[in-house]
Amino acid sequence: MNVSFIKKRWLLSCLFAFACSACNPYSTASDNTQQLQLAEWKAARQKHSLECIDSARLILKDGDIITRTGNDFTSQGLRQLCQLDATYSHCGIVSISDSNIYVYHALGGEINPDQKLKKETLGNFCDALDNLGFGVFRFPLTADQNGKLHKLLSHHYAAGLPFDMKFDLHTDTAMYCSEFVYKMLEQASAYGFRFRKDTLNGLAYVAPDRIFLHPRCSEIRRYVY
């Protein structure tokens, strides 16, 4: 087969492929439509999440417990540790200062490189890019208990409390998310609140549902994006 014939055959193949794509643009049009629909869905979801967060601002009180449902693989695994209600994978404590709403929470992983206790805005904590929704729950804290709670939060944040990678409840030098929340509530209430522990392979732990389903905890509202 000579070179000239091969070149002609290659050229005809290119022209045929070009003609097919020009005469049958449906796949490209379909892709564009899907991308547009996805963009519209994301925009609507983001708008709804911001409305949920604005709604929560009106009902949140100092010392409330806030939970969230992470949308990543790790969060899905953590939810399975809950024995009664696997809705939420993470939790923190609300602090309101000068009308600004913050959330103290213990977080590990790549999202928190220094592994220290975080204090971030409500909007960041509940961001729809990383979460499927959140919930607001409340313990009947007295003014004195709430004051002690805030002193504990400020102390641990200033000290840079590290995330507990060993998930060891026997030490207070490092804590994971629900460990931090339940221990702060116990200490602030002078152990008036006690939390049930579950075990996995001999390791005792406290999952988020043992906090927000506590007999003395009230559900204020759940939000789903």
Protein backbone atom coordinates (compact mmCIF):
# COMPACT_ATOMS: atom_id res chain seq x y z
CA MET A 1 0.00 0.00 0.00
CA ASN A 2 1.56 3.32 -1.07
CA VAL A 3 1.95 6.37 1.15
CA SER A 4 -0.32 8.53 -1.01
CA PHE A 5 -3.23 6.12 -0.56
CA ILE A 6 -2.74 6.04 3.23
CA LYS A 7 -2.77 9.83 3.41
CA LYS A 8 -5.96 10.04 1.34
CA ARG A 9 -7.65 7.41 3.50
CA TRP A 10 -6.64 9.25 6.70
CA LEU A 11 -7.93 12.55 5.30
CA LEU A 12 -11.27 11.02 4.31
CA SER A 13 -11.63 9.52 7.81
CA CYS A 14 -11.05 12.92 9.40
CA LEU A 15 -13.56 14.58 7.10
CA PHE A 16 -16.13 11.87 7.83
CA ALA A 17 -15.70 12.26 11.60
CA PHE A 18 -16.01 16.04 11.30
CA ALA A 19 -19.15 15.73 9.18
CA CYS A 20 -20.74 13.34 11.67
CA SER A 21 -20.11 15.67 14.59
CA ALA A 22 -21.43 18.64 12.63
CA CYS A 23 -24.56 16.85 11.48
CA ASN A 24 -25.24 15.20 14.86
CA PRO A 25 -24.67 17.80 17.60
CA TYR A 26 -27.07 16.14 20.07
CA SER A 27 -24.37 14.70 22.34
CA THR A 28 -22.76 18.13 22.79
CA ALA A 29 -26.15 19.76 23.28
CA SER A 30 -27.06 17.10 25.83
CA ASP A 31 -23.83 17.68 27.73
CA ASN A 32 -24.43 21.42 27.78
CA THR A 33 -27.98 20.89 29.04
CA GLN A 34 -26.79 18.62 31.82
CA GLN A 35 -24.12 21.08 32.86
CA LEU A 36 -26.68 23.89 32.91
CA GLN A 37 -29.10 21.81 34.98
CA LEU A 38 -26.32 20.89 37.41
CA ALA A 39 -25.29 24.53 37.77
CA GLU A 40 -28.91 25.54 38.42
CA TRP A 41 -29.30 22.76 40.99
CA LYS A 42 -26.12 23.81 42.80
CA ALA A 43 -27.23 27.46 42.85
CA ALA A 44 -30.66 26.53 44.20
CA ARG A 45 -29.12 24.29 46.85
CA GLN A 46 -26.67 26.98 47.92
CA LYS A 47 -29.50 29.51 48.16
CA HIS A 48 -31.55 27.09 50.27
CA SER A 49 -28.61 26.39 52.58
CA LEU A 50 -28.08 30.11 53.19
CA GLU A 51 -31.78 30.47 54.00
CA CYS A 52 -31.46 27.60 56.50
CA ILE A 53 -28.44 29.23 58.15
CA ASP A 54 -30.23 32.59 58.35
CA SER A 55 -33.22 30.84 59.92
CA ALA A 56 -30.95 29.19 62.49
CA ARG A 57 -29.46 32.55 63.46
CA LEU A 58 -32.88 33.58 64.76
CA ILE A 59 -33.32 30.59 67.07
CA LEU A 60 -29.79 29.77 68.25
CA LYS A 61 -28.90 30.50 71.86
CA ASP A 62 -25.57 30.69 73.62
CA GLY A 63 -24.43 27.20 74.63
CA ASP A 64 -26.57 25.33 72.09
CA ILE A 65 -25.31 22.13 70.51
CA ILE A 66 -25.06 22.17 66.74
CA THR A 67 -24.63 19.03 64.65
CA ARG A 68 -23.95 18.56 60.96
CA THR A 69 -24.01 15.85 58.29
CA GLY A 70 -20.74 15.78 56.37
CA ASN A 71 -20.90 14.68 52.73
CA ASP A 72 -17.50 12.99 52.57
CA PHE A 73 -16.55 9.32 52.96
CA THR A 74 -15.09 9.79 56.46
CA SER A 75 -18.31 11.41 57.69
CA GLN A 76 -20.36 8.52 56.33
CA GLY A 77 -18.21 6.13 58.32
CA LEU A 78 -18.49 8.17 61.52
CA ARG A 79 -22.27 8.22 61.23
CA GLN A 80 -22.28 4.44 61.43
CA LEU A 81 -20.93 4.68 64.97
CA CYS A 82 -24.25 6.17 66.07
CA GLN A 83 -26.50 3.52 67.59
CA LEU A 84 -29.86 5.29 67.60
CA ASP A 85 -29.83 8.07 64.99
CA ALA A 86 -27.15 8.12 62.28
CA THR A 87 -28.14 11.51 60.85
CA TYR A 88 -25.14 13.47 62.07
CA SER A 89 -21.41 12.88 61.87
CA HIS A 90 -20.04 15.91 63.73
CA CYS A 91 -20.99 18.32 66.52
CA GLY A 92 -19.89 21.51 68.25
CA ILE A 93 -20.93 24.11 70.80
CA VAL A 94 -22.41 27.50 69.91
CA SER A 95 -20.93 30.70 71.32
CA ILE A 96 -22.61 34.07 70.71
CA SER A 97 -20.48 37.17 71.18
CA ASP A 98 -21.54 40.68 70.16
CA SER A 99 -24.27 39.21 67.93
CA ASN A 100 -21.68 37.05 66.17
CA ILE A 101 -22.35 33.30 66.20
CA TYR A 102 -19.37 30.96 66.44
CA VAL A 103 -18.99 27.21 66.80
CA TYR A 104 -16.27 25.56 68.85
CA HIS A 105 -15.51 22.06 67.62
CA ALA A 106 -12.73 19.49 67.63
CA LEU A 107 -11.81 18.48 64.11
CA GLY A 108 -9.10 16.28 62.61
CA GLY A 109 -8.10 15.34 59.10
CA GLU A 110 -6.77 17.31 56.14
CA ILE A 111 -9.42 20.00 56.50
CA ASN A 112 -7.79 21.07 59.79
CA PRO A 113 -4.01 20.68 59.26
CA ASP A 114 -2.90 21.87 62.72
CA GLN A 115 -5.42 19.51 64.37
CA LYS A 116 -6.28 22.14 67.01
CA LEU A 117 -9.68 23.07 68.42
CA LYS A 118 -11.51 25.23 65.89
CA LYS A 119 -13.64 28.32 66.38
CA GLU A 120 -15.44 29.29 63.22
CA THR A 121 -18.51 31.14 62.06
CA LEU A 122 -21.88 29.46 61.80
CA GLY A 123 -21.81 29.89 58.02
CA ASN A 124 -18.49 28.09 57.66
CA PHE A 125 -19.50 25.30 60.02
CA CYS A 126 -22.71 24.63 58.07
CA ASP A 127 -21.34 25.28 54.56
CA ALA A 128 -23.36 23.38 51.94
CA LEU A 129 -20.21 22.55 49.99
CA ASP A 130 -19.20 20.11 52.72
CA ASN A 131 -22.50 19.22 54.39
CA LEU A 132 -25.95 17.84 53.69
CA GLY A 133 -27.60 19.67 56.58
CA PHE A 134 -27.37 20.48 60.28
CA GLY A 135 -29.35 20.41 63.52
CA VAL A 136 -29.83 22.63 66.57
CA PHE A 137 -30.23 21.10 70.04
CA ARG A 138 -30.37 22.56 73.54
CA PHE A 139 -29.57 21.54 77.11
CA PRO A 140 -31.23 23.37 80.04
CA LEU A 141 -28.10 25.21 81.17
CA THR A 142 -28.36 27.71 84.00
CA ALA A 143 -26.65 31.09 83.67
CA ASP A 144 -23.88 29.85 85.99
CA GLN A 145 -23.40 26.66 83.99
CA ASN A 146 -23.30 28.58 80.73
CA GLY A 147 -20.69 30.92 82.19
CA LYS A 148 -18.53 27.94 83.20
CA LEU A 149 -19.03 26.44 79.75
CA HIS A 150 -17.66 29.56 78.06
CA LYS A 151 -14.65 29.68 80.33
CA LEU A 152 -13.89 26.07 79.38
CA LEU A 153 -14.31 26.81 75.67
CA SER A 154 -12.06 29.87 75.82
CA HIS A 155 -9.44 28.00 77.86
CA HIS A 156 -9.20 25.02 75.52
CA TYR A 157 -9.20 27.21 72.41
CA ALA A 158 -6.41 29.42 73.77
CA ALA A 159 -4.45 26.31 74.76
CA GLY A 160 -4.81 24.85 71.26
CA LEU A 161 -6.48 21.62 72.38
CA PRO A 162 -5.36 18.95 69.87
CA PHE A 163 -7.63 16.48 68.15
CA ASP A 164 -7.58 13.03 69.74
CA MET A 165 -6.37 10.67 67.03
CA LYS A 166 -6.44 7.76 69.50
CA PHE A 167 -10.10 8.35 70.44
CA ASP A 168 -9.19 7.80 74.08
CA LEU A 169 -11.84 8.97 76.54
CA HIS A 170 -9.54 8.46 79.53
CA THR A 171 -7.45 11.55 78.81
CA ASP A 172 -8.40 15.23 78.51
CA THR A 173 -5.21 16.41 76.82
CA ALA A 174 -6.71 15.72 73.39
CA MET A 175 -10.35 15.26 72.35
CA TYR A 176 -12.41 14.34 69.30
CA CYS A 177 -15.63 16.13 68.38
CA SER A 178 -18.32 14.44 70.48
CA GLU A 179 -15.84 13.79 73.29
CA PHE A 180 -15.17 17.53 73.48
CA VAL A 181 -18.88 18.39 73.54
CA TYR A 182 -19.92 15.86 76.17
CA LYS A 183 -16.97 16.59 78.46
CA MET A 184 -17.58 20.34 78.30
CA LEU A 185 -21.23 19.80 79.24
CA GLU A 186 -20.35 17.43 82.05
CA GLN A 187 -17.74 19.74 83.51
CA ALA A 188 -19.82 22.92 83.11
CA SER A 189 -22.77 21.26 84.86
CA ALA A 190 -20.56 19.82 87.63
CA TYR A 191 -21.47 16.41 86.19
CA GLY A 192 -25.19 17.10 86.40
CA PHE A 193 -25.29 15.77 82.83
CA ARG A 194 -23.97 12.27 82.21
CA PHE A 195 -23.59 10.63 78.82
CA ARG A 196 -23.89 7.02 77.80
CA LYS A 197 -20.90 5.37 76.17
CA ASP A 198 -20.88 2.67 73.51
CA THR A 199 -18.06 0.25 72.73
CA LEU A 200 -16.45 -0.99 69.54
CA ASN A 201 -13.82 -3.74 69.73
CA GLY A 202 -13.41 -2.96 73.41
CA LEU A 203 -12.95 0.78 72.85
CA ALA A 204 -15.41 3.04 74.67
CA TYR A 205 -16.67 6.06 72.72
CA VAL A 206 -19.44 8.66 72.70
CA ALA A 207 -21.10 9.26 69.33
CA PRO A 208 -23.05 12.43 68.39
CA ASP A 209 -26.43 10.73 68.85
CA ARG A 210 -25.68 10.06 72.55
CA ILE A 211 -25.51 13.84 72.91
CA PHE A 212 -28.46 15.15 70.90
CA LEU A 213 -30.72 12.27 72.02
CA HIS A 214 -29.82 12.77 75.69
CA PRO A 215 -33.00 12.76 77.86
CA ARG A 216 -32.38 16.36 78.94
CA CYS A 217 -31.54 17.65 75.48
CA SER A 218 -34.28 19.31 73.41
CA GLU A 219 -34.39 19.21 69.64
CA ILE A 220 -34.90 22.74 68.36
CA ARG A 221 -34.79 22.19 64.61
CA ARG A 222 -33.22 20.09 61.88
CA TYR A 223 -32.25 21.49 58.51
CA VAL A 224 -31.72 19.48 55.31
CA TYR A 225 -30.16 21.07 52.21
